[in-house]
Amino acid sequence: MDKNVPLIEFRDLVKHFGSVIALSGVSLSVQRGEVMCLLGDNGAGKSTLIKTLSGVHRPTSGEVLVDGHHMTFTSPRDALDAGIATVYQDLAMIPLMSVTRNFFMGREPVKGIWPFRNVDFDHCDAVTREEMLKIGIDVRDPHQAVGTLSGGERQCVAIARAVYFGAKVLILDEPTSALGVAQTSMVLKYIHQVRSKGLGVIFITHNVRHAYAVGDRFTVLNRGKTLGTYAKSDIAIDELQNLMAGGKELQALSSELGGMV
């Protein structure tokens, strides 16, 4: 496989909901071992793009390429089969179920001969502990309810689950939005670990500082359109913040109000 071919690429994605244009020609690519940060304020089109990338919505027009091959996603399962895993903000976890059950939910390995087959919980527990230890989280009792973990730890469980089950591209939906400083640091460090394994990461956020801490490139969305894509070496954090917040509009408003903005 040519290393210059993106892991995943989206060209001129357009999505209409009736007369509403949610996405208007968005293009995005992710290379191996790269964190692509997708930035935008509320209403920028981030949620629609996430659902289009993960197979929930079918684009009205545009192209999707995985490893250079054209793909059509008709469901989230198609995206998963192509190696694209999405970790949503709500994590899709059941708080009262154990860490192990959440880690293997829907993919439980079984042992024994039919009709006496049952879930191999010993294997599941061992894998869960091992995978969490790899990222510095010691789950002493994998049977503990996942709801007893911190927000950062739950994010890491969700990401570790996706990596273990063969994801090539991780789409992370606002993974640090509801976390404190220490928990945010934990998640950002794990994103760096994932990148070092050669996976591609699409990090969706409205927090420029979190994005700048781990991002390699940054794409800014505004009202369903791409304002530009920038390498980290080409744009300073203040410029990125200004672009995302609508710099020209803020400067104009500041002038009108006599520099109060």
C-alpha atoms as a PDB file:
ATOM      1  CA  MET A   1       0.000   0.000   0.000  1.00  0.00           C
ATOM      2  CA  ASP A   2       1.331   3.454  -0.983  1.00  0.00           C
ATOM      3  CA  LYS A   3       2.095   5.354   2.225  1.00  0.00           C
ATOM      4  CA  ASN A   4       1.101   8.596   0.510  1.00  0.00           C
ATOM      5  CA  VAL A   5      -2.460   7.370  -0.035  1.00  0.00           C
ATOM      6  CA  PRO A   6      -4.666   8.650   2.807  1.00  0.00           C
ATOM      7  CA  LEU A   7      -6.202   6.121   5.161  1.00  0.00           C
ATOM      8  CA  ILE A   8      -9.494   7.828   4.530  1.00  0.00           C
ATOM      9  CA  GLU A   9     -10.505  10.689   2.258  1.00  0.00           C
ATOM     10  CA  PHE A  10     -13.758  12.551   1.706  1.00  0.00           C
ATOM     11  CA  ARG A  11     -14.149  14.719  -1.380  1.00  0.00           C
ATOM     12  CA  ASP A  12     -16.754  17.444  -1.785  1.00  0.00           C
ATOM     13  CA  LEU A  13     -19.281  15.937   0.621  1.00  0.00           C
ATOM     14  CA  VAL A  14     -22.718  17.490   0.324  1.00  0.00           C
ATOM     15  CA  LYS A  15     -25.646  16.656   2.588  1.00  0.00           C
ATOM     16  CA  HIS A  16     -29.165  18.026   2.200  1.00  0.00           C
ATOM     17  CA  PHE A  17     -32.066  17.533   4.588  1.00  0.00           C
ATOM     18  CA  GLY A  18     -34.930  18.615   2.358  1.00  0.00           C
ATOM     19  CA  SER A  19     -34.244  22.257   1.550  1.00  0.00           C
ATOM     20  CA  VAL A  20     -31.658  22.597   4.324  1.00  0.00           C
ATOM     21  CA  ILE A  21     -28.010  22.335   3.224  1.00  0.00           C
ATOM     22  CA  ALA A  22     -26.113  20.858   6.187  1.00  0.00           C
ATOM     23  CA  LEU A  23     -22.827  20.202   4.351  1.00  0.00           C
ATOM     24  CA  SER A  24     -21.718  22.107   1.289  1.00  0.00           C
ATOM     25  CA  GLY A  25     -18.681  20.551  -0.375  1.00  0.00           C
ATOM     26  CA  VAL A  26     -16.578  19.449   2.627  1.00  0.00           C
ATOM     27  CA  SER A  27     -13.272  17.704   1.852  1.00  0.00           C
ATOM     28  CA  LEU A  28     -11.092  15.958   4.419  1.00  0.00           C
ATOM     29  CA  SER A  29      -8.287  13.389   4.468  1.00  0.00           C
ATOM     30  CA  VAL A  30      -6.402  11.541   7.198  1.00  0.00           C
ATOM     31  CA  GLN A  31      -2.997   9.912   6.866  1.00  0.00           C
ATOM     32  CA  ARG A  32      -1.552   7.047   8.912  1.00  0.00           C
ATOM     33  CA  GLY A  33      -0.267   8.224  12.258  1.00  0.00           C
ATOM     34  CA  GLU A  34      -1.970  11.601  11.955  1.00  0.00           C
ATOM     35  CA  VAL A  35      -4.382  13.507  14.158  1.00  0.00           C
ATOM     36  CA  MET A  36      -6.673  15.638  12.008  1.00  0.00           C
ATOM     37  CA  CYS A  37      -8.599  18.103  14.150  1.00  0.00           C
ATOM     38  CA  LEU A  38     -12.006  19.197  12.919  1.00  0.00           C
ATOM     39  CA  LEU A  39     -12.888  22.528  14.475  1.00  0.00           C
ATOM     40  CA  GLY A  40     -16.097  24.493  14.419  1.00  0.00           C
ATOM     41  CA  ASP A  41     -18.562  26.248  16.656  1.00  0.00           C
ATOM     42  CA  ASN A  42     -22.119  25.060  17.323  1.00  0.00           C
ATOM     43  CA  GLY A  43     -24.038  24.823  14.054  1.00  0.00           C
ATOM     44  CA  ALA A  44     -20.887  24.508  11.950  1.00  0.00           C
ATOM     45  CA  GLY A  45     -21.908  21.081  10.642  1.00  0.00           C
ATOM     46  CA  LYS A  46     -19.664  18.905  12.805  1.00  0.00           C
ATOM     47  CA  SER A  47     -22.438  16.539  13.946  1.00  0.00           C
ATOM     48  CA  THR A  48     -23.738  16.013  10.413  1.00  0.00           C
ATOM     49  CA  LEU A  49     -20.220  15.352   9.159  1.00  0.00           C
ATOM     50  CA  ILE A  50     -19.555  12.838  11.956  1.00  0.00           C
ATOM     51  CA  LYS A  51     -22.721  10.919  11.099  1.00  0.00           C
ATOM     52  CA  THR A  52     -21.878  10.994   7.400  1.00  0.00           C
ATOM     53  CA  LEU A  53     -18.330   9.747   8.016  1.00  0.00           C
ATOM     54  CA  SER A  54     -19.579   6.945  10.272  1.00  0.00           C
ATOM     55  CA  GLY A  55     -22.306   5.674   7.938  1.00  0.00           C
ATOM     56  CA  VAL A  56     -25.337   7.006   9.809  1.00  0.00           C
ATOM     57  CA  HIS A  57     -26.195   9.446   6.998  1.00  0.00           C
ATOM     58  CA  ARG A  58     -25.629   8.862   3.299  1.00  0.00           C
ATOM     59  CA  PRO A  59     -24.185  11.939   1.581  1.00  0.00           C
ATOM     60  CA  THR A  60     -26.311  13.633  -1.063  1.00  0.00           C
ATOM     61  CA  SER A  61     -23.197  13.755  -3.222  1.00  0.00           C
ATOM     62  CA  GLY A  62     -19.435  13.423  -2.892  1.00  0.00           C
ATOM     63  CA  GLU A  63     -16.855  10.656  -2.718  1.00  0.00           C
ATOM     64  CA  VAL A  64     -15.585   8.460   0.134  1.00  0.00           C
ATOM     65  CA  LEU A  65     -12.262   6.674  -0.283  1.00  0.00           C
ATOM     66  CA  VAL A  66     -10.636   4.211   2.130  1.00  0.00           C
ATOM     67  CA  ASP A  67      -7.028   3.296   1.306  1.00  0.00           C
ATOM     68  CA  GLY A  68      -7.657   4.821  -2.123  1.00  0.00           C
ATOM     69  CA  HIS A  69     -10.715   2.666  -2.867  1.00  0.00           C
ATOM     70  CA  HIS A  70     -14.153   4.185  -3.410  1.00  0.00           C
ATOM     71  CA  MET A  71     -16.628   3.127  -0.740  1.00  0.00           C
ATOM     72  CA  THR A  72     -20.356   3.502  -0.124  1.00  0.00           C
ATOM     73  CA  PHE A  73     -21.532   3.322   3.476  1.00  0.00           C
ATOM     74  CA  THR A  74     -25.171   2.352   3.876  1.00  0.00           C
ATOM     75  CA  SER A  75     -24.933   1.799   7.639  1.00  0.00           C
ATOM     76  CA  PRO A  76     -22.548   2.226  10.595  1.00  0.00           C
ATOM     77  CA  ARG A  77     -21.659  -1.474  10.208  1.00  0.00           C
ATOM     78  CA  ASP A  78     -20.251  -0.724   6.741  1.00  0.00           C
ATOM     79  CA  ALA A  79     -18.026   1.970   8.231  1.00  0.00           C
ATOM     80  CA  LEU A  80     -16.891  -0.358  11.038  1.00  0.00           C
ATOM     81  CA  ASP A  81     -16.091  -3.094   8.541  1.00  0.00           C
ATOM     82  CA  ALA A  82     -13.940  -0.568   6.661  1.00  0.00           C
ATOM     83  CA  GLY A  83     -12.023   0.168   9.882  1.00  0.00           C
ATOM     84  CA  ILE A  84     -13.714   3.458  10.800  1.00  0.00           C
ATOM     85  CA  ALA A  85     -14.790   3.570  14.447  1.00  0.00           C
ATOM     86  CA  THR A  86     -16.649   6.486  16.012  1.00  0.00           C
ATOM     87  CA  VAL A  87     -16.503   7.258  19.726  1.00  0.00           C
ATOM     88  CA  TYR A  88     -19.479   9.506  20.404  1.00  0.00           C
ATOM     89  CA  GLN A  89     -19.693  12.056  23.179  1.00  0.00           C
ATOM     90  CA  ASP A  90     -22.179   9.891  25.119  1.00  0.00           C
ATOM     91  CA  LEU A  91     -19.801   6.892  24.700  1.00  0.00           C
ATOM     92  CA  ALA A  92     -22.642   4.379  24.073  1.00  0.00           C
ATOM     93  CA  MET A  93     -21.866   2.657  27.380  1.00  0.00           C
ATOM     94  CA  ILE A  94     -24.159   1.199  30.023  1.00  0.00           C
ATOM     95  CA  PRO A  95     -23.027   2.633  33.391  1.00  0.00           C
ATOM     96  CA  LEU A  96     -24.343  -0.246  35.526  1.00  0.00           C
ATOM     97  CA  MET A  97     -22.654  -2.935  33.426  1.00  0.00           C
ATOM     98  CA  SER A  98     -19.061  -3.995  34.113  1.00  0.00           C
ATOM     99  CA  VAL A  99     -16.003  -2.603  32.367  1.00  0.00           C
ATOM    100  CA  THR A 100     -15.538  -5.994  30.681  1.00  0.00           C
ATOM    101  CA  ARG A 101     -19.135  -6.221  29.424  1.00  0.00           C
ATOM    102  CA  ASN A 102     -18.896  -2.703  28.000  1.00  0.00           C
ATOM    103  CA  PHE A 103     -15.521  -3.439  26.399  1.00  0.00           C
ATOM    104  CA  PHE A 104     -16.837  -6.534  24.567  1.00  0.00           C
ATOM    105  CA  MET A 105     -20.449  -5.462  24.089  1.00  0.00           C
ATOM    106  CA  GLY A 106     -21.801  -7.154  20.962  1.00  0.00           C
ATOM    107  CA  ARG A 107     -18.500  -8.945  20.280  1.00  0.00           C
ATOM    108  CA  GLU A 108     -18.295 -11.421  23.141  1.00  0.00           C
ATOM    109  CA  PRO A 109     -16.047 -14.446  22.455  1.00  0.00           C
ATOM    110  CA  VAL A 110     -17.620 -17.789  23.288  1.00  0.00           C
ATOM    111  CA  LYS A 111     -16.256 -21.191  24.250  1.00  0.00           C
ATOM    112  CA  GLY A 112     -17.651 -24.700  24.372  1.00  0.00           C
ATOM    113  CA  ILE A 113     -19.644 -26.801  21.938  1.00  0.00           C
ATOM    114  CA  TRP A 114     -23.178 -25.943  20.859  1.00  0.00           C
ATOM    115  CA  PRO A 115     -25.667 -26.031  22.559  1.00  0.00           C
ATOM    116  CA  PHE A 116     -23.477 -25.554  25.638  1.00  0.00           C
ATOM    117  CA  ARG A 117     -21.543 -22.526  24.410  1.00  0.00           C
ATOM    118  CA  ASN A 118     -21.131 -19.562  26.735  1.00  0.00           C
ATOM    119  CA  VAL A 119     -19.185 -16.312  26.941  1.00  0.00           C
ATOM    120  CA  ASP A 120     -15.503 -16.759  27.803  1.00  0.00           C
ATOM    121  CA  PHE A 121     -15.443 -14.204  30.620  1.00  0.00           C
ATOM    122  CA  ASP A 122     -11.962 -15.223  31.820  1.00  0.00           C
ATOM    123  CA  HIS A 123     -10.542 -14.273  28.415  1.00  0.00           C
ATOM    124  CA  CYS A 124     -12.618 -11.073  28.343  1.00  0.00           C
ATOM    125  CA  ASP A 125     -11.435  -9.998  31.801  1.00  0.00           C
ATOM    126  CA  ALA A 126      -7.786 -10.686  30.949  1.00  0.00           C
ATOM    127  CA  VAL A 127      -7.966  -8.725  27.678  1.00  0.00           C
ATOM    128  CA  THR A 128      -9.754  -5.794  29.308  1.00  0.00           C
ATOM    129  CA  ARG A 129      -7.152  -5.504  32.072  1.00  0.00           C
ATOM    130  CA  GLU A 130      -4.269  -5.871  29.625  1.00  0.00           C
ATOM    131  CA  GLU A 131      -5.588  -3.284  27.151  1.00  0.00           C
ATOM    132  CA  MET A 132      -6.300  -0.768  29.922  1.00  0.00           C
ATOM    133  CA  LEU A 133      -2.852  -1.312  31.487  1.00  0.00           C
ATOM    134  CA  LYS A 134      -1.291  -0.463  28.123  1.00  0.00           C
ATOM    135  CA  ILE A 135      -2.635   3.049  28.518  1.00  0.00           C
ATOM    136  CA  GLY A 136      -1.750   3.358  32.192  1.00  0.00           C
ATOM    137  CA  ILE A 137      -5.145   2.559  33.732  1.00  0.00           C
ATOM    138  CA  ASP A 138      -5.119  -0.266  36.271  1.00  0.00           C
ATOM    139  CA  VAL A 139      -8.602  -1.782  36.349  1.00  0.00           C
ATOM    140  CA  ARG A 140      -8.070  -4.059  39.345  1.00  0.00           C
ATOM    141  CA  ASP A 141     -11.579  -5.434  39.124  1.00  0.00           C
ATOM    142  CA  PRO A 142     -12.837  -5.578  35.502  1.00  0.00           C
ATOM    143  CA  HIS A 143     -16.230  -6.595  36.937  1.00  0.00           C
ATOM    144  CA  GLN A 144     -16.713  -3.157  38.488  1.00  0.00           C
ATOM    145  CA  ALA A 145     -19.430  -1.003  36.930  1.00  0.00           C
ATOM    146  CA  VAL A 146     -18.062   1.242  34.206  1.00  0.00           C
ATOM    147  CA  GLY A 147     -20.029   4.077  35.796  1.00  0.00           C
ATOM    148  CA  THR A 148     -17.584   4.029  38.734  1.00  0.00           C
ATOM    149  CA  LEU A 149     -14.739   5.149  36.446  1.00  0.00           C
ATOM    150  CA  SER A 150     -13.917   8.793  35.870  1.00  0.00           C
ATOM    151  CA  GLY A 151     -15.022  10.516  32.681  1.00  0.00           C
ATOM    152  CA  GLY A 152     -11.494  10.374  31.278  1.00  0.00           C
ATOM    153  CA  GLU A 153     -11.186   6.675  32.073  1.00  0.00           C
ATOM    154  CA  ARG A 154     -14.500   5.930  30.350  1.00  0.00           C
ATOM    155  CA  GLN A 155     -13.309   7.801  27.268  1.00  0.00           C
ATOM    156  CA  CYS A 156     -10.151   5.692  27.283  1.00  0.00           C
ATOM    157  CA  VAL A 157     -12.183   2.472  27.608  1.00  0.00           C
ATOM    158  CA  ALA A 158     -14.209   3.456  24.532  1.00  0.00           C
ATOM    159  CA  ILE A 159     -11.092   4.330  22.521  1.00  0.00           C
ATOM    160  CA  ALA A 160      -9.212   1.203  23.653  1.00  0.00           C
ATOM    161  CA  ARG A 161     -12.215  -0.924  22.639  1.00  0.00           C
ATOM    162  CA  ALA A 162     -12.200   0.557  19.133  1.00  0.00           C
ATOM    163  CA  VAL A 163      -8.437   0.062  18.750  1.00  0.00           C
ATOM    164  CA  TYR A 164      -8.563  -3.530  20.008  1.00  0.00           C
ATOM    165  CA  PHE A 165     -11.260  -4.468  17.519  1.00  0.00           C
ATOM    166  CA  GLY A 166      -9.201  -3.303  14.572  1.00  0.00           C
ATOM    167  CA  ALA A 167     -10.059   0.341  13.883  1.00  0.00           C
ATOM    168  CA  LYS A 168      -7.781   2.053  11.371  1.00  0.00           C
ATOM    169  CA  VAL A 169      -9.406   5.457  11.760  1.00  0.00           C
ATOM    170  CA  LEU A 170     -10.858   6.799  15.004  1.00  0.00           C
ATOM    171  CA  ILE A 171     -13.468   9.561  14.933  1.00  0.00           C
ATOM    172  CA  LEU A 172     -13.613  11.183  18.367  1.00  0.00           C
ATOM    173  CA  ASP A 173     -16.628  13.379  19.030  1.00  0.00           C
ATOM    174  CA  GLU A 174     -15.772  16.085  21.598  1.00  0.00           C
ATOM    175  CA  PRO A 175     -13.885  13.618  23.855  1.00  0.00           C
ATOM    176  CA  THR A 176     -12.702  16.327  26.280  1.00  0.00           C
ATOM    177  CA  SER A 177     -15.768  18.566  26.433  1.00  0.00           C
ATOM    178  CA  ALA A 178     -17.006  17.518  29.892  1.00  0.00           C
ATOM    179  CA  LEU A 179     -13.658  16.634  31.492  1.00  0.00           C
ATOM    180  CA  GLY A 180     -11.468  18.340  34.074  1.00  0.00           C
ATOM    181  CA  VAL A 181      -7.823  19.214  33.505  1.00  0.00           C
ATOM    182  CA  ALA A 182      -6.340  15.910  34.714  1.00  0.00           C
ATOM    183  CA  GLN A 183      -8.871  13.777  32.827  1.00  0.00           C
ATOM    184  CA  THR A 184      -8.395  15.831  29.654  1.00  0.00           C
ATOM    185  CA  SER A 185      -4.648  15.284  29.910  1.00  0.00           C
ATOM    186  CA  MET A 186      -5.246  11.517  30.209  1.00  0.00           C
ATOM    187  CA  VAL A 187      -7.348  11.435  27.038  1.00  0.00           C
ATOM    188  CA  LEU A 188      -4.953  13.644  25.050  1.00  0.00           C
ATOM    189  CA  LYS A 189      -2.014  11.425  26.032  1.00  0.00           C
ATOM    190  CA  TYR A 190      -3.920   8.374  24.837  1.00  0.00           C
ATOM    191  CA  ILE A 191      -4.735  10.056  21.525  1.00  0.00           C
ATOM    192  CA  HIS A 192      -0.980  10.570  21.119  1.00  0.00           C
ATOM    193  CA  GLN A 193      -0.422   6.856  21.848  1.00  0.00           C
ATOM    194  CA  VAL A 194      -3.004   5.870  19.242  1.00  0.00           C
ATOM    195  CA  ARG A 195      -1.315   8.065  16.650  1.00  0.00           C
ATOM    196  CA  SER A 196       2.071   6.489  17.407  1.00  0.00           C
ATOM    197  CA  LYS A 197       0.563   3.080  16.520  1.00  0.00           C
ATOM    198  CA  GLY A 198      -0.089   4.296  12.987  1.00  0.00           C
ATOM    199  CA  LEU A 199      -3.816   4.870  13.291  1.00  0.00           C
ATOM    200  CA  GLY A 200      -5.522   7.935  11.880  1.00  0.00           C
ATOM    201  CA  VAL A 201      -7.548  10.123  14.242  1.00  0.00           C
ATOM    202  CA  ILE A 202     -10.258  12.666  13.456  1.00  0.00           C
ATOM    203  CA  PHE A 203     -10.556  14.754  16.610  1.00  0.00           C
ATOM    204  CA  ILE A 204     -13.760  16.814  16.573  1.00  0.00           C
ATOM    205  CA  THR A 205     -13.797  19.663  19.054  1.00  0.00           C
ATOM    206  CA  HIS A 206     -14.567  23.328  19.580  1.00  0.00           C
ATOM    207  CA  ASN A 207     -11.657  23.652  22.042  1.00  0.00           C
ATOM    208  CA  VAL A 208      -8.711  25.007  20.070  1.00  0.00           C
ATOM    209  CA  ARG A 209      -6.189  24.493  22.880  1.00  0.00           C
ATOM    210  CA  HIS A 210      -7.009  20.795  23.225  1.00  0.00           C
ATOM    211  CA  ALA A 211      -6.790  20.390  19.455  1.00  0.00           C
ATOM    212  CA  TYR A 212      -3.490  22.239  19.208  1.00  0.00           C
ATOM    213  CA  ALA A 213      -1.951  20.046  21.932  1.00  0.00           C
ATOM    214  CA  VAL A 214      -2.200  16.854  19.826  1.00  0.00           C
ATOM    215  CA  GLY A 215      -3.188  17.882  16.302  1.00  0.00           C
ATOM    216  CA  ASP A 216      -1.044  17.595  13.181  1.00  0.00           C
ATOM    217  CA  ARG A 217      -3.483  19.349  10.852  1.00  0.00           C
ATOM    218  CA  PHE A 218      -6.614  21.407  11.419  1.00  0.00           C
ATOM    219  CA  THR A 219      -9.729  21.761   9.296  1.00  0.00           C
ATOM    220  CA  VAL A 220     -12.141  24.551  10.220  1.00  0.00           C
ATOM    221  CA  LEU A 221     -15.859  24.227   9.478  1.00  0.00           C
ATOM    222  CA  ASN A 222     -18.325  27.083   9.345  1.00  0.00           C
ATOM    223  CA  ARG A 223     -21.980  26.683   8.332  1.00  0.00           C
ATOM    224  CA  GLY A 224     -21.316  23.439   6.517  1.00  0.00           C
ATOM    225  CA  LYS A 225     -18.333  24.711   4.542  1.00  0.00           C
ATOM    226  CA  THR A 226     -14.595  24.194   4.937  1.00  0.00           C
ATOM    227  CA  LEU A 227     -12.797  27.452   5.710  1.00  0.00           C
ATOM    228  CA  GLY A 228      -9.410  25.819   5.214  1.00  0.00           C
ATOM    229  CA  THR A 229      -7.007  23.086   6.290  1.00  0.00           C
ATOM    230  CA  TYR A 230      -3.713  24.026   7.945  1.00  0.00           C
ATOM    231  CA  ALA A 231      -0.639  22.152   9.132  1.00  0.00           C
ATOM    232  CA  LYS A 232       0.442  22.929  12.679  1.00  0.00           C
ATOM    233  CA  SER A 233       3.610  24.577  11.378  1.00  0.00           C
ATOM    234  CA  ASP A 234       1.546  26.950   9.219  1.00  0.00           C
ATOM    235  CA  ILE A 235      -0.820  28.435  11.781  1.00  0.00           C
ATOM    236  CA  ALA A 236      -0.483  29.726  15.347  1.00  0.00           C
ATOM    237  CA  ILE A 237      -3.015  28.845  18.008  1.00  0.00           C
ATOM    238  CA  ASP A 238      -4.330  32.417  18.192  1.00  0.00           C
ATOM    239  CA  GLU A 239      -4.838  32.515  14.422  1.00  0.00           C
ATOM    240  CA  LEU A 240      -6.675  29.207  14.582  1.00  0.00           C
ATOM    241  CA  GLN A 241      -8.907  30.465  17.379  1.00  0.00           C
ATOM    242  CA  ASN A 242      -9.604  33.645  15.447  1.00  0.00           C
ATOM    243  CA  LEU A 243     -10.475  31.709  12.290  1.00  0.00           C
ATOM    244  CA  MET A 244     -12.807  29.344  14.110  1.00  0.00           C
ATOM    245  CA  ALA A 245     -14.568  32.183  15.925  1.00  0.00           C
ATOM    246  CA  GLY A 246     -15.092  34.177  12.716  1.00  0.00           C
ATOM    247  CA  GLY A 247     -12.214  36.604  12.926  1.00  0.00           C
ATOM    248  CA  LYS A 248     -13.465  39.175  10.426  1.00  0.00           C
ATOM    249  CA  GLU A 249     -16.866  39.409  12.080  1.00  0.00           C
ATOM    250  CA  LEU A 250     -15.295  39.832  15.526  1.00  0.00           C
ATOM    251  CA  GLN A 251     -12.892  42.494  14.263  1.00  0.00           C
ATOM    252  CA  ALA A 252     -15.744  44.398  12.625  1.00  0.00           C
ATOM    253  CA  LEU A 253     -17.844  44.185  15.785  1.00  0.00           C
ATOM    254  CA  SER A 254     -14.862  45.289  17.862  1.00  0.00           C
ATOM    255  CA  SER A 255     -14.455  48.379  15.675  1.00  0.00           C
ATOM    256  CA  GLU A 256     -18.157  49.190  15.951  1.00  0.00           C
ATOM    257  CA  LEU A 257     -18.038  48.929  19.745  1.00  0.00           C
ATOM    258  CA  GLY A 258     -14.834  50.868  20.086  1.00  0.00           C
ATOM    259  CA  GLY A 259     -12.568  47.925  20.875  1.00  0.00           C
ATOM    260  CA  MET A 260     -14.770  46.493  23.631  1.00  0.00           C
ATOM    261  CA  VAL A 261     -14.946  42.975  22.023  1.00  0.00           C
END
